[in-house]
Amino acid sequence: MNFLINREYDIAIRICAFLASYYGKDPIPLSKISKYLYISRPFASKIVHQLVKSKILGSSQGRYGGIFLSNDPRELSVYDVLKALNFKMAVNECLINPTICPLNENCKIHLFFGDQEKILIENFQNKMIIDLAFSKRDLNK
């Protein structure tokens, strides 16, 4: 089965949504994020590294170190997070490789798939991380 949002993308969004609840507060150690979100530390570390590299997250070292959102979660979209992990998608191959199908771009099916892809991308762009924010308290309900 093919998934549009793989586990890596899902976890990246979850990490950012979790950190959104703590925006402007002390950094949270990666070990706690891994524990709260039930992700292995190496997997979380890999994702966090990409998000830090893309400046979505920041990190601080030391006894009170950890990770934090670098951007206001009201201005950070799901699409921004996905792009930081090199998200690429197409609803149908004909949208990215016109030579795959002999029908022209006026094909109703091609146009339908193009419209659906545009709607999905717009939804990712319009959904802000703050809208998905949750805290440790929310996980214990």
N, C-alpha and C. Protein backbone atom coordinates (compact mmCIF):
# COMPACT_ATOMS: atom_id res chain seq x y z
N MET A 1 0.84 -1.18 0.00
CA MET A 1 0.00 0.00 0.00
C MET A 1 0.89 1.25 0.00
N ASN A 2 0.49 2.23 -0.76
CA ASN A 2 1.22 3.49 -0.81
C ASN A 2 0.55 4.51 0.11
N PHE A 3 1.36 5.24 0.82
CA PHE A 3 0.84 6.26 1.72
C PHE A 3 1.37 7.62 1.29
N LEU A 4 0.51 8.59 1.29
CA LEU A 4 0.91 9.95 0.97
C LEU A 4 1.75 10.53 2.12
N ILE A 5 1.29 10.29 3.35
CA ILE A 5 2.01 10.75 4.53
C ILE A 5 2.63 9.53 5.20
N ASN A 6 3.93 9.39 5.04
CA ASN A 6 4.60 8.24 5.65
C ASN A 6 4.86 8.50 7.14
N ARG A 7 5.42 7.54 7.81
CA ARG A 7 5.64 7.63 9.26
C ARG A 7 6.57 8.80 9.61
N GLU A 8 7.57 9.04 8.81
CA GLU A 8 8.51 10.14 9.06
C GLU A 8 7.80 11.49 9.02
N TYR A 9 6.98 11.70 8.01
CA TYR A 9 6.22 12.96 7.92
C TYR A 9 5.26 13.10 9.10
N ASP A 10 4.58 12.01 9.43
CA ASP A 10 3.63 12.01 10.53
C ASP A 10 4.32 12.40 11.84
N ILE A 11 5.46 11.78 12.11
CA ILE A 11 6.19 12.06 13.36
C ILE A 11 6.69 13.50 13.37
N ALA A 12 7.15 14.01 12.25
CA ALA A 12 7.63 15.40 12.18
C ALA A 12 6.49 16.36 12.54
N ILE A 13 5.32 16.11 12.01
CA ILE A 13 4.16 16.96 12.32
C ILE A 13 3.82 16.84 13.79
N ARG A 14 3.84 15.62 14.32
CA ARG A 14 3.52 15.39 15.74
C ARG A 14 4.52 16.09 16.66
N ILE A 15 5.79 16.01 16.33
CA ILE A 15 6.81 16.67 17.15
C ILE A 15 6.55 18.18 17.17
N CYS A 16 6.31 18.74 16.00
CA CYS A 16 6.06 20.19 15.92
C CYS A 16 4.77 20.58 16.65
N ALA A 17 3.73 19.77 16.51
CA ALA A 17 2.46 20.05 17.19
C ALA A 17 2.64 19.96 18.71
N PHE A 18 3.42 19.01 19.16
CA PHE A 18 3.70 18.88 20.59
C PHE A 18 4.47 20.10 21.09
N LEU A 19 5.50 20.47 20.36
CA LEU A 19 6.31 21.62 20.77
C LEU A 19 5.53 22.93 20.68
N ALA A 20 4.50 22.99 19.86
CA ALA A 20 3.69 24.20 19.74
C ALA A 20 3.04 24.55 21.08
N SER A 21 2.70 23.54 21.87
CA SER A 21 2.09 23.79 23.18
C SER A 21 3.08 24.41 24.16
N TYR A 22 4.36 24.31 23.85
CA TYR A 22 5.39 24.82 24.75
C TYR A 22 6.17 25.98 24.12
N TYR A 23 5.60 26.55 23.06
CA TYR A 23 6.28 27.62 22.35
C TYR A 23 6.56 28.79 23.31
N GLY A 24 7.80 29.28 23.29
CA GLY A 24 8.19 30.39 24.14
C GLY A 24 8.59 29.97 25.55
N LYS A 25 8.55 28.67 25.82
CA LYS A 25 8.94 28.16 27.13
C LYS A 25 10.28 27.45 27.01
N ASP A 26 10.69 26.78 28.06
CA ASP A 26 11.98 26.07 28.06
C ASP A 26 12.00 24.97 27.01
N PRO A 27 13.19 24.72 26.44
CA PRO A 27 13.33 23.61 25.50
C PRO A 27 12.97 22.29 26.18
N ILE A 28 12.56 21.33 25.38
CA ILE A 28 12.18 20.01 25.90
C ILE A 28 13.21 18.99 25.42
N PRO A 29 13.75 18.22 26.35
CA PRO A 29 14.74 17.21 25.95
C PRO A 29 14.15 16.20 24.97
N LEU A 30 14.96 15.79 24.03
CA LEU A 30 14.54 14.82 23.03
C LEU A 30 14.10 13.52 23.70
N SER A 31 14.74 13.16 24.79
CA SER A 31 14.37 11.92 25.49
C SER A 31 12.91 11.97 25.97
N LYS A 32 12.47 13.12 26.42
CA LYS A 32 11.08 13.26 26.87
C LYS A 32 10.12 13.22 25.69
N ILE A 33 10.48 13.88 24.63
CA ILE A 33 9.61 13.87 23.44
C ILE A 33 9.47 12.44 22.92
N SER A 34 10.58 11.72 22.87
CA SER A 34 10.55 10.33 22.42
C SER A 34 9.63 9.51 23.31
N LYS A 35 9.73 9.70 24.60
CA LYS A 35 8.92 8.96 25.56
C LYS A 35 7.44 9.31 25.41
N TYR A 36 7.12 10.59 25.40
CA TYR A 36 5.73 11.03 25.34
C TYR A 36 5.04 10.61 24.04
N LEU A 37 5.77 10.65 22.94
CA LEU A 37 5.18 10.36 21.63
C LEU A 37 5.39 8.92 21.18
N TYR A 38 6.02 8.11 22.05
CA TYR A 38 6.24 6.69 21.76
C TYR A 38 7.02 6.47 20.46
N ILE A 39 8.11 7.19 20.35
CA ILE A 39 8.98 7.03 19.18
C ILE A 39 10.37 6.68 19.69
N SER A 40 11.07 5.86 18.95
CA SER A 40 12.44 5.53 19.37
C SER A 40 13.29 6.80 19.31
N ARG A 41 14.23 6.87 20.20
CA ARG A 41 15.09 8.06 20.24
C ARG A 41 15.88 8.23 18.93
N PRO A 42 16.46 7.15 18.37
CA PRO A 42 17.18 7.33 17.10
C PRO A 42 16.30 7.87 15.97
N PHE A 43 15.06 7.37 15.89
CA PHE A 43 14.15 7.84 14.84
C PHE A 43 13.78 9.30 15.08
N ALA A 44 13.46 9.63 16.33
CA ALA A 44 13.14 11.02 16.67
C ALA A 44 14.33 11.93 16.38
N SER A 45 15.52 11.47 16.72
CA SER A 45 16.73 12.26 16.50
C SER A 45 16.94 12.55 15.01
N LYS A 46 16.70 11.55 14.18
CA LYS A 46 16.85 11.72 12.72
C LYS A 46 15.89 12.81 12.21
N ILE A 47 14.65 12.75 12.66
CA ILE A 47 13.65 13.72 12.22
C ILE A 47 13.97 15.11 12.77
N VAL A 48 14.31 15.18 14.04
CA VAL A 48 14.65 16.46 14.66
C VAL A 48 15.84 17.08 13.95
N HIS A 49 16.83 16.28 13.60
CA HIS A 49 18.01 16.79 12.89
C HIS A 49 17.59 17.49 11.59
N GLN A 50 16.68 16.87 10.84
CA GLN A 50 16.22 17.48 9.59
C GLN A 50 15.44 18.77 9.86
N LEU A 51 14.65 18.78 10.91
CA LEU A 51 13.85 19.97 11.23
C LEU A 51 14.73 21.10 11.75
N VAL A 52 15.79 20.76 12.47
CA VAL A 52 16.74 21.79 12.93
C VAL A 52 17.50 22.34 11.72
N LYS A 53 17.93 21.45 10.85
CA LYS A 53 18.66 21.86 9.65
C LYS A 53 17.83 22.82 8.79
N SER A 54 16.51 22.60 8.77
CA SER A 54 15.60 23.45 8.00
C SER A 54 15.12 24.66 8.79
N LYS A 55 15.62 24.80 10.01
CA LYS A 55 15.30 25.94 10.88
C LYS A 55 13.83 25.96 11.34
N ILE A 56 13.18 24.82 11.28
CA ILE A 56 11.83 24.70 11.85
C ILE A 56 11.96 24.58 13.37
N LEU A 57 12.97 23.81 13.79
CA LEU A 57 13.26 23.64 15.21
C LEU A 57 14.61 24.25 15.53
N GLY A 58 14.78 24.59 16.80
CA GLY A 58 16.07 25.00 17.32
C GLY A 58 16.45 24.02 18.41
N SER A 59 17.70 24.03 18.78
CA SER A 59 18.14 23.15 19.86
C SER A 59 19.13 23.90 20.73
N SER A 60 19.17 23.49 21.97
CA SER A 60 20.14 24.05 22.90
C SER A 60 20.77 22.90 23.67
N GLN A 61 22.02 23.07 23.99
CA GLN A 61 22.78 22.04 24.69
C GLN A 61 22.80 22.31 26.18
N GLY A 62 23.27 21.35 26.92
CA GLY A 62 23.48 21.55 28.34
C GLY A 62 22.41 20.92 29.20
N ARG A 63 22.55 21.16 30.48
CA ARG A 63 21.68 20.54 31.47
C ARG A 63 20.20 20.84 31.22
N TYR A 64 19.88 22.04 30.80
CA TYR A 64 18.49 22.42 30.55
C TYR A 64 18.20 22.53 29.06
N GLY A 65 18.98 21.83 28.29
CA GLY A 65 18.85 21.89 26.84
C GLY A 65 17.71 21.04 26.32
N GLY A 66 17.49 21.16 25.06
CA GLY A 66 16.44 20.39 24.40
C GLY A 66 16.12 21.02 23.06
N ILE A 67 14.93 20.74 22.59
CA ILE A 67 14.51 21.29 21.31
C ILE A 67 13.28 22.16 21.50
N PHE A 68 13.07 23.03 20.54
CA PHE A 68 11.97 23.98 20.60
C PHE A 68 11.63 24.42 19.19
N LEU A 69 10.42 24.93 19.02
CA LEU A 69 10.03 25.49 17.73
C LEU A 69 10.76 26.81 17.51
N SER A 70 11.35 26.97 16.36
CA SER A 70 12.02 28.22 16.01
C SER A 70 11.04 29.25 15.48
N ASN A 71 9.90 28.76 15.02
CA ASN A 71 8.90 29.62 14.39
C ASN A 71 7.63 29.66 15.22
N ASP A 72 6.93 30.75 15.15
CA ASP A 72 5.64 30.87 15.81
C ASP A 72 4.71 29.81 15.21
N PRO A 73 4.12 28.95 16.03
CA PRO A 73 3.27 27.89 15.49
C PRO A 73 2.01 28.42 14.80
N ARG A 74 1.70 29.70 14.98
CA ARG A 74 0.56 30.29 14.27
C ARG A 74 0.94 30.64 12.83
N GLU A 75 2.25 30.64 12.56
CA GLU A 75 2.73 30.98 11.22
C GLU A 75 3.44 29.80 10.54
N LEU A 76 3.47 28.67 11.20
CA LEU A 76 4.12 27.47 10.67
C LEU A 76 3.04 26.50 10.19
N SER A 77 3.07 26.19 8.92
CA SER A 77 2.04 25.31 8.37
C SER A 77 2.51 23.85 8.33
N VAL A 78 1.55 22.98 8.20
CA VAL A 78 1.86 21.56 8.02
C VAL A 78 2.73 21.40 6.77
N TYR A 79 2.43 22.16 5.74
CA TYR A 79 3.21 22.08 4.50
C TYR A 79 4.66 22.49 4.74
N ASP A 80 4.90 23.50 5.57
CA ASP A 80 6.27 23.90 5.89
C ASP A 80 7.05 22.74 6.51
N VAL A 81 6.39 22.03 7.41
CA VAL A 81 7.04 20.89 8.07
C VAL A 81 7.31 19.79 7.06
N LEU A 82 6.34 19.50 6.22
CA LEU A 82 6.52 18.46 5.20
C LEU A 82 7.65 18.82 4.24
N LYS A 83 7.70 20.07 3.80
CA LYS A 83 8.77 20.50 2.89
C LYS A 83 10.14 20.36 3.54
N ALA A 84 10.22 20.58 4.84
CA ALA A 84 11.50 20.46 5.55
C ALA A 84 12.03 19.03 5.47
N LEU A 85 11.15 18.07 5.27
CA LEU A 85 11.54 16.67 5.14
C LEU A 85 11.53 16.22 3.68
N ASN A 86 11.60 17.17 2.78
CA ASN A 86 11.65 16.91 1.33
C ASN A 86 10.41 16.19 0.81
N PHE A 87 9.26 16.59 1.32
CA PHE A 87 7.99 16.02 0.88
C PHE A 87 7.77 16.33 -0.59
N LYS A 88 7.47 15.30 -1.34
CA LYS A 88 7.11 15.45 -2.74
C LYS A 88 5.92 14.54 -2.99
N MET A 89 4.97 15.05 -3.68
CA MET A 89 3.81 14.22 -3.96
C MET A 89 3.18 14.59 -5.28
N ALA A 90 2.54 13.63 -5.84
CA ALA A 90 1.69 13.84 -6.99
C ALA A 90 0.55 12.85 -6.86
N VAL A 91 -0.65 13.30 -7.13
CA VAL A 91 -1.82 12.44 -7.03
C VAL A 91 -1.75 11.34 -8.10
N ASN A 92 -1.22 11.70 -9.25
CA ASN A 92 -1.10 10.74 -10.35
C ASN A 92 0.19 11.04 -11.09
N GLU A 93 0.80 10.01 -11.60
CA GLU A 93 2.07 10.16 -12.32
C GLU A 93 1.95 11.07 -13.53
N CYS A 94 0.77 11.13 -14.12
CA CYS A 94 0.60 11.96 -15.31
C CYS A 94 0.79 13.45 -15.01
N LEU A 95 0.67 13.82 -13.74
CA LEU A 95 0.84 15.23 -13.37
C LEU A 95 2.31 15.65 -13.35
N ILE A 96 3.21 14.70 -13.16
CA ILE A 96 4.63 15.04 -13.13
C ILE A 96 5.40 14.52 -14.34
N ASN A 97 4.79 13.59 -15.07
CA ASN A 97 5.46 13.02 -16.22
C ASN A 97 4.46 12.96 -17.38
N PRO A 98 4.33 14.06 -18.13
CA PRO A 98 3.32 14.11 -19.20
C PRO A 98 3.54 13.10 -20.31
N THR A 99 4.74 12.55 -20.43
CA THR A 99 5.00 11.59 -21.51
C THR A 99 4.44 10.20 -21.18
N ILE A 100 4.00 10.01 -19.95
CA ILE A 100 3.50 8.69 -19.57
C ILE A 100 2.14 8.36 -20.20
N CYS A 101 1.41 9.39 -20.57
CA CYS A 101 0.07 9.20 -21.12
C CYS A 101 -0.04 9.95 -22.44
N PRO A 102 -0.55 9.28 -23.47
CA PRO A 102 -0.68 9.94 -24.77
C PRO A 102 -1.81 10.97 -24.83
N LEU A 103 -2.67 10.97 -23.83
CA LEU A 103 -3.76 11.95 -23.83
C LEU A 103 -3.19 13.33 -23.50
N ASN A 104 -3.84 14.34 -23.95
CA ASN A 104 -3.31 15.68 -23.73
C ASN A 104 -3.73 16.23 -22.36
N GLU A 105 -3.25 17.42 -22.05
CA GLU A 105 -3.53 18.03 -20.75
C GLU A 105 -4.99 18.44 -20.59
N ASN A 106 -5.77 18.36 -21.62
CA ASN A 106 -7.19 18.68 -21.51
C ASN A 106 -8.02 17.46 -21.11
N CYS A 107 -7.35 16.37 -20.84
CA CYS A 107 -8.02 15.14 -20.39
C CYS A 107 -8.74 15.44 -19.07
N LYS A 108 -10.00 15.10 -19.00
CA LYS A 108 -10.80 15.39 -17.80
C LYS A 108 -10.25 14.69 -16.56
N ILE A 109 -9.70 13.52 -16.74
CA ILE A 109 -9.14 12.79 -15.59
C ILE A 109 -7.87 13.48 -15.11
N HIS A 110 -7.02 13.88 -16.04
CA HIS A 110 -5.80 14.62 -15.70
C HIS A 110 -6.16 15.91 -14.94
N LEU A 111 -7.14 16.63 -15.46
CA LEU A 111 -7.57 17.88 -14.81
C LEU A 111 -8.15 17.62 -13.42
N PHE A 112 -8.92 16.54 -13.27
CA PHE A 112 -9.47 16.18 -11.97
C PHE A 112 -8.36 15.90 -10.97
N PHE A 113 -7.40 15.09 -11.36
CA PHE A 113 -6.28 14.77 -10.46
C PHE A 113 -5.49 16.03 -10.11
N GLY A 114 -5.30 16.90 -11.07
CA GLY A 114 -4.61 18.16 -10.81
C GLY A 114 -5.35 19.02 -9.81
N ASP A 115 -6.66 19.08 -9.94
CA ASP A 115 -7.49 19.85 -8.99
C ASP A 115 -7.39 19.25 -7.59
N GLN A 116 -7.44 17.93 -7.48
CA GLN A 116 -7.37 17.28 -6.18
C GLN A 116 -6.01 17.51 -5.51
N GLU A 117 -4.97 17.46 -6.29
CA GLU A 117 -3.63 17.72 -5.75
C GLU A 117 -3.53 19.16 -5.25
N LYS A 118 -4.06 20.08 -6.01
CA LYS A 118 -4.03 21.49 -5.61
C LYS A 118 -4.79 21.71 -4.30
N ILE A 119 -5.95 21.09 -4.16
CA ILE A 119 -6.75 21.21 -2.94
C ILE A 119 -5.98 20.65 -1.75
N LEU A 120 -5.36 19.51 -1.92
CA LEU A 120 -4.61 18.88 -0.84
C LEU A 120 -3.43 19.76 -0.39
N ILE A 121 -2.68 20.27 -1.34
CA ILE A 121 -1.55 21.15 -1.02
C ILE A 121 -2.05 22.40 -0.31
N GLU A 122 -3.14 22.99 -0.80
CA GLU A 122 -3.70 24.18 -0.14
C GLU A 122 -4.13 23.87 1.29
N ASN A 123 -4.70 22.70 1.51
CA ASN A 123 -5.10 22.31 2.86
C ASN A 123 -3.88 22.18 3.77
N PHE A 124 -2.81 21.59 3.28
CA PHE A 124 -1.57 21.50 4.05
C PHE A 124 -0.99 22.89 4.34
N GLN A 125 -1.09 23.78 3.36
CA GLN A 125 -0.57 25.13 3.54
C GLN A 125 -1.41 25.96 4.51
N ASN A 126 -2.70 25.70 4.55
CA ASN A 126 -3.61 26.48 5.39
C ASN A 126 -3.76 25.95 6.81
N LYS A 127 -3.31 24.73 7.05
CA LYS A 127 -3.42 24.16 8.40
C LYS A 127 -2.15 24.51 9.16
N MET A 128 -2.32 25.35 10.17
CA MET A 128 -1.18 25.79 10.97
C MET A 128 -0.92 24.80 12.10
N ILE A 129 0.33 24.69 12.47
CA ILE A 129 0.73 23.76 13.52
C ILE A 129 0.00 24.07 14.83
N ILE A 130 -0.26 25.33 15.10
CA ILE A 130 -0.98 25.68 16.34
C ILE A 130 -2.36 25.00 16.39
N ASP A 131 -2.98 24.78 15.24
CA ASP A 131 -4.28 24.13 15.18
C ASP A 131 -4.23 22.67 15.60
N LEU A 132 -3.04 22.10 15.55
CA LEU A 132 -2.85 20.69 15.89
C LEU A 132 -2.14 20.50 17.23
N ALA A 133 -1.84 21.60 17.90
CA ALA A 133 -1.04 21.56 19.14
C ALA A 133 -1.68 20.69 20.22
N PHE A 134 -0.81 19.98 20.94
CA PHE A 134 -1.24 19.19 22.09
C PHE A 134 -0.08 19.13 23.07
N SER A 135 -0.40 18.88 24.31
CA SER A 135 0.63 18.84 25.35
C SER A 135 0.67 17.46 26.01
N LYS A 136 1.57 17.29 26.93
CA LYS A 136 1.67 16.05 27.69
C LYS A 136 0.36 15.77 28.41
N ARG A 137 -0.26 16.81 28.93
CA ARG A 137 -1.55 16.67 29.62
C ARG A 137 -2.60 16.03 28.71
N ASP A 138 -2.62 16.43 27.45
CA ASP A 138 -3.58 15.88 26.48
C ASP A 138 -3.35 14.39 26.23
N LEU A 139 -2.11 13.96 26.34
CA LEU A 139 -1.78 12.56 26.09
C LEU A 139 -2.24 11.65 27.22
N ASN A 140 -2.44 12.20 28.39
CA ASN A 140 -2.81 11.40 29.56
C ASN A 140 -4.31 11.32 29.76
N LYS A 141 -5.09 11.76 28.82
CA LYS A 141 -6.55 11.74 28.97
C LYS A 141 -7.13 10.40 28.57
